[in-house]
Amino acid sequence: MVTFKAINNDSGADSDHCADNPADTITMTSSTAPLTNAPECLLQSFPPTRPPKTQHLRRAAADLTMRQFFFISYLAEDDEHTLATMQKHSIYHSSVFKGMTEANLVEAGFNLGPARLIVSGTAAAVAQLKNL
């Protein structure tokens, strides 16, 4: 158990706050316990945290499912080789194909035909999403 006491060297300070007042003693049972019982003056010594950076979030309606991506790309939904290659590389969203070339896809194990369709389908999907 760890006990913290607020210290105040200001002789003109209010005796109810941050002095040797038992109410200003914080007792923690572990080193990771939160400072929920801390007096206001102790908590005020920590600067406020900055809000997290905002990130660009796309609307859910503007997102494509893999089934829709296959349709736009003219890929066969039952192409076992393409599906196995996608599963091998943990590809579960079409955005992974942005910026990839036909050569990149063939190197990753895709057959030439599906690789060409994926590249053109990615361009078509991006263009379609921009129009929403």
C-alpha atoms as a PDB file:
ATOM      1  CA  MET A   1       0.000   0.000   0.000  1.00  0.00           C
ATOM      2  CA  VAL A   2       1.298   3.437  -0.973  1.00  0.00           C
ATOM      3  CA  THR A   3       0.197   6.660   0.713  1.00  0.00           C
ATOM      4  CA  PHE A   4       0.655  10.111  -0.781  1.00  0.00           C
ATOM      5  CA  LYS A   5       0.184  13.372   1.071  1.00  0.00           C
ATOM      6  CA  ALA A   6      -0.380  16.730  -0.540  1.00  0.00           C
ATOM      7  CA  ILE A   7       2.337  19.213   0.367  1.00  0.00           C
ATOM      8  CA  ASN A   8       1.820  22.947   0.440  1.00  0.00           C
ATOM      9  CA  ASN A   9       4.628  25.316   1.431  1.00  0.00           C
ATOM     10  CA  ASP A  10       2.437  28.397   1.121  1.00  0.00           C
ATOM     11  CA  SER A  11       1.941  29.720   4.662  1.00  0.00           C
ATOM     12  CA  GLY A  12      -1.075  31.747   3.582  1.00  0.00           C
ATOM     13  CA  ALA A  13      -2.842  28.755   2.028  1.00  0.00           C
ATOM     14  CA  ASP A  14      -6.293  27.715   3.059  1.00  0.00           C
ATOM     15  CA  SER A  15      -5.924  25.032   5.739  1.00  0.00           C
ATOM     16  CA  ASP A  16      -8.689  22.944   4.164  1.00  0.00           C
ATOM     17  CA  HIS A  17      -6.769  22.351   0.947  1.00  0.00           C
ATOM     18  CA  CYS A  18      -3.383  20.768   0.297  1.00  0.00           C
ATOM     19  CA  ALA A  19      -2.083  21.068   3.835  1.00  0.00           C
ATOM     20  CA  ASP A  20      -1.828  18.398   6.482  1.00  0.00           C
ATOM     21  CA  ASN A  21      -5.512  17.698   6.144  1.00  0.00           C
ATOM     22  CA  PRO A  22      -6.315  13.940   6.336  1.00  0.00           C
ATOM     23  CA  ALA A  23      -8.811  14.452   3.509  1.00  0.00           C
ATOM     24  CA  ASP A  24      -5.856  15.273   1.264  1.00  0.00           C
ATOM     25  CA  THR A  25      -4.169  11.913   1.861  1.00  0.00           C
ATOM     26  CA  ILE A  26      -4.355   9.447  -1.006  1.00  0.00           C
ATOM     27  CA  THR A  27      -4.026   5.762  -0.274  1.00  0.00           C
ATOM     28  CA  MET A  28      -3.448   3.313  -3.114  1.00  0.00           C
ATOM     29  CA  THR A  29      -3.486  -0.436  -2.804  1.00  0.00           C
ATOM     30  CA  SER A  30      -1.304  -0.983  -5.852  1.00  0.00           C
ATOM     31  CA  SER A  31       1.164   1.051  -7.846  1.00  0.00           C
ATOM     32  CA  THR A  32      -1.260   1.186 -10.772  1.00  0.00           C
ATOM     33  CA  ALA A  33      -4.340   2.334  -8.864  1.00  0.00           C
ATOM     34  CA  PRO A  34      -6.012   5.395 -10.362  1.00  0.00           C
ATOM     35  CA  LEU A  35      -5.943   8.774  -8.640  1.00  0.00           C
ATOM     36  CA  THR A  36      -9.708   8.925  -8.186  1.00  0.00           C
ATOM     37  CA  ASN A  37      -9.536  10.127  -4.562  1.00  0.00           C
ATOM     38  CA  ALA A  38      -6.956  12.830  -5.239  1.00  0.00           C
ATOM     39  CA  PRO A  39      -7.680  16.360  -4.056  1.00  0.00           C
ATOM     40  CA  GLU A  40      -8.454  18.903  -6.744  1.00  0.00           C
ATOM     41  CA  CYS A  41      -5.207  20.842  -6.223  1.00  0.00           C
ATOM     42  CA  LEU A  42      -3.130  17.702  -6.816  1.00  0.00           C
ATOM     43  CA  LEU A  43      -4.980  16.823  -9.993  1.00  0.00           C
ATOM     44  CA  GLN A  44      -4.658  20.387 -11.263  1.00  0.00           C
ATOM     45  CA  SER A  45      -0.879  20.118 -11.214  1.00  0.00           C
ATOM     46  CA  PHE A  46      -1.056  17.759 -14.194  1.00  0.00           C
ATOM     47  CA  PRO A  47      -1.563  19.553 -17.507  1.00  0.00           C
ATOM     48  CA  PRO A  48      -4.730  18.657 -19.384  1.00  0.00           C
ATOM     49  CA  THR A  49      -4.255  16.051 -22.063  1.00  0.00           C
ATOM     50  CA  ARG A  50      -4.664  17.013 -25.671  1.00  0.00           C
ATOM     51  CA  PRO A  51      -7.564  15.470 -27.550  1.00  0.00           C
ATOM     52  CA  PRO A  52      -6.585  12.656 -29.904  1.00  0.00           C
ATOM     53  CA  LYS A  53      -5.854  13.596 -33.490  1.00  0.00           C
ATOM     54  CA  THR A  54      -8.890  13.383 -35.665  1.00  0.00           C
ATOM     55  CA  GLN A  55      -8.605  11.032 -38.548  1.00  0.00           C
ATOM     56  CA  HIS A  56     -10.454  11.096 -41.809  1.00  0.00           C
ATOM     57  CA  LEU A  57     -13.254   8.606 -41.442  1.00  0.00           C
ATOM     58  CA  ARG A  58     -15.050   7.488 -44.547  1.00  0.00           C
ATOM     59  CA  ARG A  59     -18.767   7.053 -44.475  1.00  0.00           C
ATOM     60  CA  ALA A  60     -19.802   3.424 -44.137  1.00  0.00           C
ATOM     61  CA  ALA A  61     -22.073   3.770 -47.158  1.00  0.00           C
ATOM     62  CA  ALA A  62     -19.053   4.668 -49.309  1.00  0.00           C
ATOM     63  CA  ASP A  63     -17.267   1.446 -48.436  1.00  0.00           C
ATOM     64  CA  LEU A  64     -17.249  -1.606 -50.692  1.00  0.00           C
ATOM     65  CA  THR A  65     -17.631  -5.163 -49.554  1.00  0.00           C
ATOM     66  CA  MET A  66     -15.309  -7.717 -51.109  1.00  0.00           C
ATOM     67  CA  ARG A  67     -18.301  -9.156 -52.985  1.00  0.00           C
ATOM     68  CA  GLN A  68     -18.952  -5.721 -54.515  1.00  0.00           C
ATOM     69  CA  PHE A  69     -15.261  -5.340 -55.334  1.00  0.00           C
ATOM     70  CA  PHE A  70     -15.252  -8.725 -57.080  1.00  0.00           C
ATOM     71  CA  PHE A  71     -18.317  -7.630 -59.089  1.00  0.00           C
ATOM     72  CA  ILE A  72     -16.758  -4.294 -60.126  1.00  0.00           C
ATOM     73  CA  SER A  73     -13.486  -6.046 -61.019  1.00  0.00           C
ATOM     74  CA  TYR A  74     -15.182  -8.851 -62.981  1.00  0.00           C
ATOM     75  CA  LEU A  75     -13.508 -11.411 -60.728  1.00  0.00           C
ATOM     76  CA  ALA A  76     -15.178 -14.797 -60.391  1.00  0.00           C
ATOM     77  CA  GLU A  77     -16.477 -15.243 -56.840  1.00  0.00           C
ATOM     78  CA  ASP A  78     -15.586 -18.937 -56.981  1.00  0.00           C
ATOM     79  CA  ASP A  79     -11.984 -18.484 -58.227  1.00  0.00           C
ATOM     80  CA  GLU A  80     -10.296 -20.710 -55.665  1.00  0.00           C
ATOM     81  CA  HIS A  81      -6.753 -19.604 -56.515  1.00  0.00           C
ATOM     82  CA  THR A  82      -7.538 -15.894 -56.106  1.00  0.00           C
ATOM     83  CA  LEU A  83      -9.469 -16.547 -52.899  1.00  0.00           C
ATOM     84  CA  ALA A  84      -6.654 -18.720 -51.500  1.00  0.00           C
ATOM     85  CA  THR A  85      -4.039 -16.069 -52.352  1.00  0.00           C
ATOM     86  CA  MET A  86      -6.129 -13.402 -50.659  1.00  0.00           C
ATOM     87  CA  GLN A  87      -6.550 -15.615 -47.610  1.00  0.00           C
ATOM     88  CA  LYS A  88      -2.812 -16.406 -47.536  1.00  0.00           C
ATOM     89  CA  HIS A  89      -2.004 -12.679 -47.404  1.00  0.00           C
ATOM     90  CA  SER A  90      -4.903 -11.845 -45.030  1.00  0.00           C
ATOM     91  CA  ILE A  91      -6.538  -9.550 -47.577  1.00  0.00           C
ATOM     92  CA  TYR A  92     -10.016  -8.825 -46.294  1.00  0.00           C
ATOM     93  CA  HIS A  93     -10.598  -5.341 -47.723  1.00  0.00           C
ATOM     94  CA  SER A  94     -10.206  -4.038 -51.252  1.00  0.00           C
ATOM     95  CA  SER A  95      -8.319  -0.916 -50.144  1.00  0.00           C
ATOM     96  CA  VAL A  96      -5.198  -3.068 -49.857  1.00  0.00           C
ATOM     97  CA  PHE A  97      -4.975  -3.095 -53.648  1.00  0.00           C
ATOM     98  CA  LYS A  98      -4.638   0.699 -53.973  1.00  0.00           C
ATOM     99  CA  GLY A  99      -1.268   1.516 -55.482  1.00  0.00           C
ATOM    100  CA  MET A 100      -0.451  -2.093 -56.329  1.00  0.00           C
ATOM    101  CA  THR A 101       0.651  -2.917 -59.839  1.00  0.00           C
ATOM    102  CA  GLU A 102       0.025  -6.005 -61.885  1.00  0.00           C
ATOM    103  CA  ALA A 103       3.638  -7.042 -61.226  1.00  0.00           C
ATOM    104  CA  ASN A 104       3.160  -6.615 -57.452  1.00  0.00           C
ATOM    105  CA  LEU A 105       0.103  -8.844 -57.539  1.00  0.00           C
ATOM    106  CA  VAL A 106       1.769 -11.539 -59.652  1.00  0.00           C
ATOM    107  CA  GLU A 107       4.750 -11.462 -57.293  1.00  0.00           C
ATOM    108  CA  ALA A 108       2.332 -11.925 -54.386  1.00  0.00           C
ATOM    109  CA  GLY A 109       1.018 -15.084 -56.043  1.00  0.00           C
ATOM    110  CA  PHE A 110      -2.009 -13.929 -58.018  1.00  0.00           C
ATOM    111  CA  ASN A 111      -2.451 -15.318 -61.523  1.00  0.00           C
ATOM    112  CA  LEU A 112      -1.968 -12.846 -64.390  1.00  0.00           C
ATOM    113  CA  GLY A 113      -5.654 -12.609 -65.368  1.00  0.00           C
ATOM    114  CA  PRO A 114      -6.997 -11.832 -61.888  1.00  0.00           C
ATOM    115  CA  ALA A 115      -4.045  -9.476 -61.288  1.00  0.00           C
ATOM    116  CA  ARG A 116      -5.045  -7.394 -64.332  1.00  0.00           C
ATOM    117  CA  LEU A 117      -8.689  -7.422 -63.246  1.00  0.00           C
ATOM    118  CA  ILE A 118      -7.773  -6.354 -59.706  1.00  0.00           C
ATOM    119  CA  VAL A 119      -5.732  -3.380 -60.958  1.00  0.00           C
ATOM    120  CA  SER A 120      -8.500  -2.161 -63.273  1.00  0.00           C
ATOM    121  CA  GLY A 121     -11.173  -2.961 -60.674  1.00  0.00           C
ATOM    122  CA  THR A 122      -9.336  -0.951 -58.039  1.00  0.00           C
ATOM    123  CA  ALA A 123      -9.254   2.084 -60.340  1.00  0.00           C
ATOM    124  CA  ALA A 124     -12.967   1.645 -61.098  1.00  0.00           C
ATOM    125  CA  ALA A 125     -13.824   1.272 -57.402  1.00  0.00           C
ATOM    126  CA  VAL A 126     -11.869   4.402 -56.450  1.00  0.00           C
ATOM    127  CA  ALA A 127     -13.588   6.383 -59.216  1.00  0.00           C
ATOM    128  CA  GLN A 128     -16.993   5.087 -58.146  1.00  0.00           C
ATOM    129  CA  LEU A 129     -16.389   5.975 -54.489  1.00  0.00           C
ATOM    130  CA  LYS A 130     -15.321   9.515 -55.414  1.00  0.00           C
ATOM    131  CA  ASN A 131     -18.708  10.061 -57.059  1.00  0.00           C
ATOM    132  CA  LEU A 132     -20.644   9.253 -53.878  1.00  0.00           C
END
